[in-house]
């Protein structure tokens, strides 16, 4: 695991004032808008190793070309035509499922590095009983391998907290755009509609660079990847954390994102305690 994380800049495996300062800075950003970025979190060695690892399994990704609404649900004709649940956008994307990345590979070694989970938990200010690795065997550690085109349209995440590592950018485009915390105790369809219309003043645009670590509360912030340009794919690794143990994705959305479901998805369908659409 040595040489993968830039421990000189981010001593996440230690105690002391430098780590404390980093945690406080991340917490401040998360409180303000649900997003924090740690620039240059990975070493160049890690970037090269993980990029090679992803290249080797890129052909195993699930590629899909369809239309989705922000909630990944079917159309509901009982609602007005301009309702966010009836607003569908082209999606052209590829997710490489988690079961393609081995325990000994560089990507999972970063996830399993000393202090990594505790650092993330401290940054998110989550108590032990509300912080768990995503238990989904297809989705706990994945890579989004996006090609030229529409990127990923506006959506909410199923899991409460998402941790991403930028691995490789496209030739151009691909900014991460998000509307911070626009749903909490309710869906806030009115503001979601303004984001979809391009009339919201709440949207933030973020340019991530290879090696950056991003913490994001995507369960509550509508977000997308802006259209990509060029032949080079955009690689982003995604580590997911949730508020309850043994949580996995809903069968419908899992099939949409990864092209298949496992028995565990069917067994645990409908067992989540939250009431969000997905």
Protein backbone atom coordinates (compact mmCIF):
# COMPACT_ATOMS: atom_id res chain seq x y z
CA UNK A 1 0.00 0.00 0.00
CA UNK A 2 3.05 2.26 0.37
CA UNK A 3 3.36 4.72 -2.46
CA UNK A 4 -0.34 4.84 -3.34
CA UNK A 5 -1.64 7.63 -1.08
CA UNK A 6 0.25 10.91 -0.75
CA UNK A 7 0.79 10.48 2.99
CA UNK A 8 3.19 13.44 3.13
CA UNK A 9 0.38 15.80 2.22
CA UNK A 10 -2.42 13.74 3.80
CA UNK A 11 -1.24 11.82 6.90
CA UNK A 12 -4.61 10.11 7.30
CA UNK A 13 -3.09 7.17 9.20
CA UNK A 14 -1.67 9.37 11.98
CA UNK A 15 -2.91 11.57 14.78
CA UNK A 16 -1.87 15.17 15.16
CA UNK A 17 -2.49 18.74 14.16
CA UNK A 18 -1.92 18.27 10.41
CA UNK A 19 -4.55 15.55 10.11
CA UNK A 20 -6.89 17.51 12.38
CA UNK A 21 -6.53 20.58 10.18
CA UNK A 22 -7.34 18.60 7.04
CA UNK A 23 -10.41 17.05 8.67
CA UNK A 24 -11.67 20.44 9.83
CA UNK A 25 -11.22 21.91 6.35
CA UNK A 26 -13.14 19.05 4.75
CA UNK A 27 -15.92 19.32 7.31
CA UNK A 28 -16.30 23.02 6.60
CA UNK A 29 -16.68 22.37 2.87
CA UNK A 30 -19.18 19.58 3.43
CA UNK A 31 -21.26 21.73 5.74
CA UNK A 32 -21.34 24.56 3.22
CA UNK A 33 -22.36 22.62 0.13
CA UNK A 34 -21.98 18.89 0.64
CA UNK A 35 -18.74 18.59 -1.36
CA UNK A 36 -15.02 18.62 -0.54
CA UNK A 37 -11.96 17.96 -2.72
CA UNK A 38 -8.48 16.90 -1.60
CA UNK A 39 -6.17 17.77 -4.46
CA UNK A 40 -3.33 15.33 -5.27
CA UNK A 41 -4.47 12.67 -2.81
CA UNK A 42 -2.97 9.89 -4.94
CA UNK A 43 0.64 9.57 -5.96
CA UNK A 44 1.71 9.38 -9.59
CA UNK A 45 2.61 5.73 -9.00
CA UNK A 46 -0.93 5.02 -7.84
CA UNK A 47 -2.45 6.82 -10.82
CA UNK A 48 -0.41 4.81 -13.29
CA UNK A 49 -1.13 1.50 -11.54
CA UNK A 50 -4.87 2.09 -11.19
CA UNK A 51 -5.19 3.34 -14.76
CA UNK A 52 -3.55 0.14 -16.02
CA UNK A 53 -5.84 -1.91 -13.79
CA UNK A 54 -8.93 -0.19 -15.16
CA UNK A 55 -7.73 -0.49 -18.75
CA UNK A 56 -7.47 -4.27 -18.32
CA UNK A 57 -11.12 -4.66 -17.27
CA UNK A 58 -12.70 -1.76 -19.16
CA UNK A 59 -14.32 -4.19 -21.60
CA UNK A 60 -16.27 -5.72 -18.68
CA UNK A 61 -18.11 -2.51 -17.96
CA UNK A 62 -21.84 -2.31 -18.49
CA UNK A 63 -22.52 0.15 -21.30
CA UNK A 64 -25.97 1.56 -21.63
CA UNK A 65 -27.66 4.07 -23.87
CA UNK A 66 -31.11 5.06 -22.73
CA UNK A 67 -33.17 7.78 -21.11
CA UNK A 68 -33.50 8.25 -17.36
CA UNK A 69 -35.07 10.70 -14.99
CA UNK A 70 -33.18 11.94 -11.88
CA UNK A 71 -34.63 9.07 -9.82
CA UNK A 72 -34.08 6.16 -12.25
CA UNK A 73 -37.77 5.32 -12.15
CA UNK A 74 -40.35 4.57 -14.84
CA UNK A 75 -42.60 7.27 -16.26
CA UNK A 76 -45.63 8.18 -14.17
CA UNK A 77 -48.45 9.44 -16.46
CA UNK A 78 -50.49 10.52 -13.43
CA UNK A 79 -48.10 13.46 -12.90
CA UNK A 80 -47.89 16.70 -14.96
CA UNK A 81 -45.67 16.48 -18.03
CA UNK A 82 -43.09 18.91 -16.59
CA UNK A 83 -42.76 17.09 -13.25
CA UNK A 84 -39.11 16.05 -12.55
CA UNK A 85 -40.13 12.40 -12.41
CA UNK A 86 -41.34 12.75 -16.00
CA UNK A 87 -38.23 14.56 -17.26
CA UNK A 88 -36.05 12.06 -19.10
CA UNK A 89 -32.55 12.66 -20.48
CA UNK A 90 -30.17 10.70 -22.68
CA UNK A 91 -27.68 8.64 -20.70
CA UNK A 92 -24.56 7.20 -22.30
CA UNK A 93 -22.31 5.67 -19.72
CA UNK A 94 -20.31 2.69 -18.54
CA UNK A 95 -19.86 1.31 -15.02
CA UNK A 96 -17.28 -1.36 -14.30
CA UNK A 97 -18.80 -3.41 -11.44
CA UNK A 98 -16.94 -3.90 -8.19
CA UNK A 99 -16.41 -7.64 -8.61
CA UNK A 100 -13.87 -6.90 -11.37
CA UNK A 101 -11.41 -5.31 -8.93
CA UNK A 102 -9.38 -7.75 -6.87
CA UNK A 103 -8.34 -7.38 -3.23
CA UNK A 104 -4.68 -7.24 -4.22
CA UNK A 105 -5.18 -4.61 -6.93
CA UNK A 106 -4.13 -1.01 -6.40
CA UNK A 107 -7.69 0.33 -6.39
CA UNK A 108 -8.86 -1.83 -3.49
CA UNK A 109 -5.54 -1.34 -1.72
CA UNK A 110 -6.20 2.38 -1.65
CA UNK A 111 -9.62 1.67 -0.12
CA UNK A 112 -8.05 -0.69 2.42
CA UNK A 113 -5.12 1.62 3.25
CA UNK A 114 -4.42 2.32 6.95
CA UNK A 115 -6.64 5.07 8.23
CA UNK A 116 -8.71 5.49 5.06
CA UNK A 117 -12.16 4.55 6.39
CA UNK A 118 -11.64 6.34 9.71
CA UNK A 119 -10.47 9.48 7.91
CA UNK A 120 -13.55 9.48 5.70
CA UNK A 121 -15.79 8.87 8.69
CA UNK A 122 -14.18 11.70 10.66
CA UNK A 123 -14.56 14.08 7.72
CA UNK A 124 -18.23 13.19 7.41
CA UNK A 125 -18.74 13.48 11.19
CA UNK A 126 -20.55 10.18 11.23
CA UNK A 127 -20.89 8.09 14.43
CA UNK A 128 -19.96 4.43 14.28
CA UNK A 129 -23.58 3.29 14.23
CA UNK A 130 -24.30 5.40 11.13
CA UNK A 131 -21.25 4.72 8.98
CA UNK A 132 -20.77 1.56 6.94
CA UNK A 133 -19.17 0.50 3.72
CA UNK A 134 -21.76 -0.14 1.03
CA UNK A 135 -22.49 -3.87 1.19
CA UNK A 136 -23.39 -4.16 -2.48
CA UNK A 137 -20.96 -6.65 -4.12
CA UNK A 138 -21.44 -4.97 -7.49
CA UNK A 139 -21.20 -1.38 -6.28
CA UNK A 140 -18.97 -0.90 -3.24
CA UNK A 141 -15.87 -0.03 -5.32
CA UNK A 142 -16.61 0.71 -8.97
CA UNK A 143 -15.20 2.73 -11.84
CA UNK A 144 -17.22 5.01 -14.05
CA UNK A 145 -15.66 4.82 -17.53
CA UNK A 146 -17.44 7.48 -19.54
CA UNK A 147 -16.93 7.98 -23.27
CA UNK A 148 -17.51 11.00 -25.50
CA UNK A 149 -21.13 12.06 -25.41
CA UNK A 150 -23.68 12.97 -22.80
CA UNK A 151 -21.76 11.87 -19.73
CA UNK A 152 -24.19 11.18 -16.89
CA UNK A 153 -27.36 13.31 -16.69
CA UNK A 154 -28.82 14.85 -13.56
CA UNK A 155 -29.51 12.34 -10.78
CA UNK A 156 -29.44 11.59 -7.06
CA UNK A 157 -27.32 8.82 -5.54
CA UNK A 158 -28.84 5.85 -3.73
CA UNK A 159 -26.17 5.92 -1.04
CA UNK A 160 -25.79 8.87 1.33
CA UNK A 161 -22.07 9.46 0.95
CA UNK A 162 -19.89 8.95 -2.10
CA UNK A 163 -16.11 9.08 -2.16
CA UNK A 164 -14.49 9.34 -5.57
CA UNK A 165 -10.98 9.27 -6.96
CA UNK A 166 -10.35 11.01 -10.27
CA UNK A 167 -8.15 8.68 -12.31
CA UNK A 168 -8.21 9.94 -15.90
CA UNK A 169 -9.94 12.86 -17.59
CA UNK A 170 -11.42 12.98 -21.06
CA UNK A 171 -9.72 15.18 -23.64
CA UNK A 172 -12.22 17.93 -22.80
CA UNK A 173 -15.49 18.47 -20.97
CA UNK A 174 -16.60 16.29 -18.06
CA UNK A 175 -16.99 18.92 -15.36
CA UNK A 176 -18.76 17.74 -12.22
CA UNK A 177 -21.86 19.87 -11.70
CA UNK A 178 -24.08 19.76 -8.63
CA UNK A 179 -26.87 21.58 -6.81
CA UNK A 180 -25.99 21.32 -3.10
CA UNK A 181 -28.49 19.89 -0.65
CA UNK A 182 -31.66 20.61 -2.58
CA UNK A 183 -33.55 17.76 -0.95
CA UNK A 184 -33.59 16.80 2.71
CA UNK A 185 -36.83 15.88 4.46
CA UNK A 186 -38.74 16.13 1.17
CA UNK A 187 -37.96 15.79 -2.54
CA UNK A 188 -38.12 19.55 -3.30
CA UNK A 189 -39.43 18.93 -6.82
CA UNK A 190 -39.75 22.65 -7.54
CA UNK A 191 -36.02 23.34 -7.20
CA UNK A 192 -35.14 20.09 -8.96
CA UNK A 193 -37.23 21.31 -11.88
CA UNK A 194 -35.28 24.58 -12.02
CA UNK A 195 -32.00 22.68 -12.19
CA UNK A 196 -33.32 20.56 -15.04
CA UNK A 197 -34.49 23.71 -16.84
CA UNK A 198 -31.07 25.33 -16.47
CA UNK A 199 -32.56 28.24 -14.51
CA UNK A 200 -31.32 27.40 -11.01
CA UNK A 201 -28.71 29.62 -9.36
CA UNK A 202 -27.66 26.79 -7.05
CA UNK A 203 -25.55 24.80 -9.53
CA UNK A 204 -21.79 24.57 -8.86
CA UNK A 205 -19.28 23.44 -11.52
CA UNK A 206 -16.13 21.61 -10.41
CA UNK A 207 -13.08 20.56 -12.45
CA UNK A 208 -11.46 17.46 -10.91
CA UNK A 209 -7.91 16.44 -11.80
CA UNK A 210 -6.40 12.91 -11.80
CA UNK A 211 -5.37 12.02 -8.26
CA UNK A 212 -8.01 14.18 -6.55
CA UNK A 213 -10.16 12.68 -3.79
CA UNK A 214 -13.73 13.98 -3.59
CA UNK A 215 -16.22 13.54 -0.77
CA UNK A 216 -19.78 14.17 -1.83
CA UNK A 217 -23.23 13.83 -0.30
CA UNK A 218 -24.95 12.76 -3.49
CA UNK A 219 -28.06 11.43 -1.80
CA UNK A 220 -29.20 14.98 -1.22
CA UNK A 221 -27.54 16.98 -4.02
CA UNK A 222 -28.69 16.67 -7.61
CA UNK A 223 -25.62 16.24 -9.81
CA UNK A 224 -24.32 15.27 -13.21
CA UNK A 225 -21.19 14.92 -15.34
CA UNK A 226 -21.16 17.47 -18.16
CA UNK A 227 -20.76 16.17 -21.75
CA UNK A 228 -17.36 14.72 -22.66
CA UNK A 229 -15.24 15.43 -25.72
CA UNK A 230 -12.52 13.31 -27.32
CA UNK A 231 -11.46 9.67 -27.61
CA UNK A 232 -9.93 9.29 -24.15
CA UNK A 233 -12.40 7.91 -21.57
CA UNK A 234 -12.97 9.58 -18.24
CA UNK A 235 -12.15 7.19 -15.35
CA UNK A 236 -13.47 7.90 -11.86
CA UNK A 237 -13.34 5.35 -9.05
CA UNK A 238 -16.26 5.43 -6.63
CA UNK A 239 -16.15 4.21 -3.00
CA UNK A 240 -19.55 4.22 -1.32
CA UNK A 241 -20.60 4.54 2.31
CA UNK A 242 -24.09 4.39 3.80
CA UNK A 243 -25.91 4.95 7.09
CA UNK A 244 -27.09 1.41 7.75
CA UNK A 245 -25.41 -1.99 7.56
CA UNK A 246 -25.98 -4.55 4.81
CA UNK A 247 -27.49 -2.00 2.42
CA UNK A 248 -27.52 -2.84 -1.29
CA UNK A 249 -29.04 -1.25 -4.38
CA UNK A 250 -32.62 -1.77 -5.50
CA UNK A 251 -32.94 -4.46 -8.20
CA UNK A 252 -34.33 -2.11 -10.86
CA UNK A 253 -31.56 0.45 -10.52
CA UNK A 254 -28.84 -2.19 -10.10
CA UNK A 255 -29.84 -3.79 -13.38
CA UNK A 256 -29.86 -0.39 -15.07
CA UNK A 257 -26.37 0.51 -13.88
CA UNK A 258 -24.56 -2.84 -14.00
CA UNK A 259 -26.59 -4.95 -16.40
CA UNK A 260 -27.29 -7.68 -13.87
CA UNK A 261 -28.42 -8.37 -10.33
CA UNK A 262 -27.28 -10.92 -7.78
CA UNK A 263 -29.44 -12.93 -5.39
CA UNK A 264 -28.60 -10.49 -2.59
CA UNK A 265 -30.36 -7.65 -4.44
CA UNK A 266 -33.59 -9.62 -4.71
CA UNK A 267 -33.39 -10.89 -1.13
CA UNK A 268 -32.98 -7.37 0.32
CA UNK A 269 -35.38 -5.51 -1.97
CA UNK A 270 -37.60 -3.14 0.00
CA UNK A 271 -35.68 -3.58 3.26
CA UNK A 272 -34.14 -0.09 3.40
CA UNK A 273 -35.38 2.18 6.18
CA UNK A 274 -35.38 5.46 4.20
CA UNK A 275 -38.34 6.58 2.11
CA UNK A 276 -36.64 8.30 -0.83
CA UNK A 277 -37.65 7.18 -4.31
CA UNK A 278 -34.19 5.69 -4.85
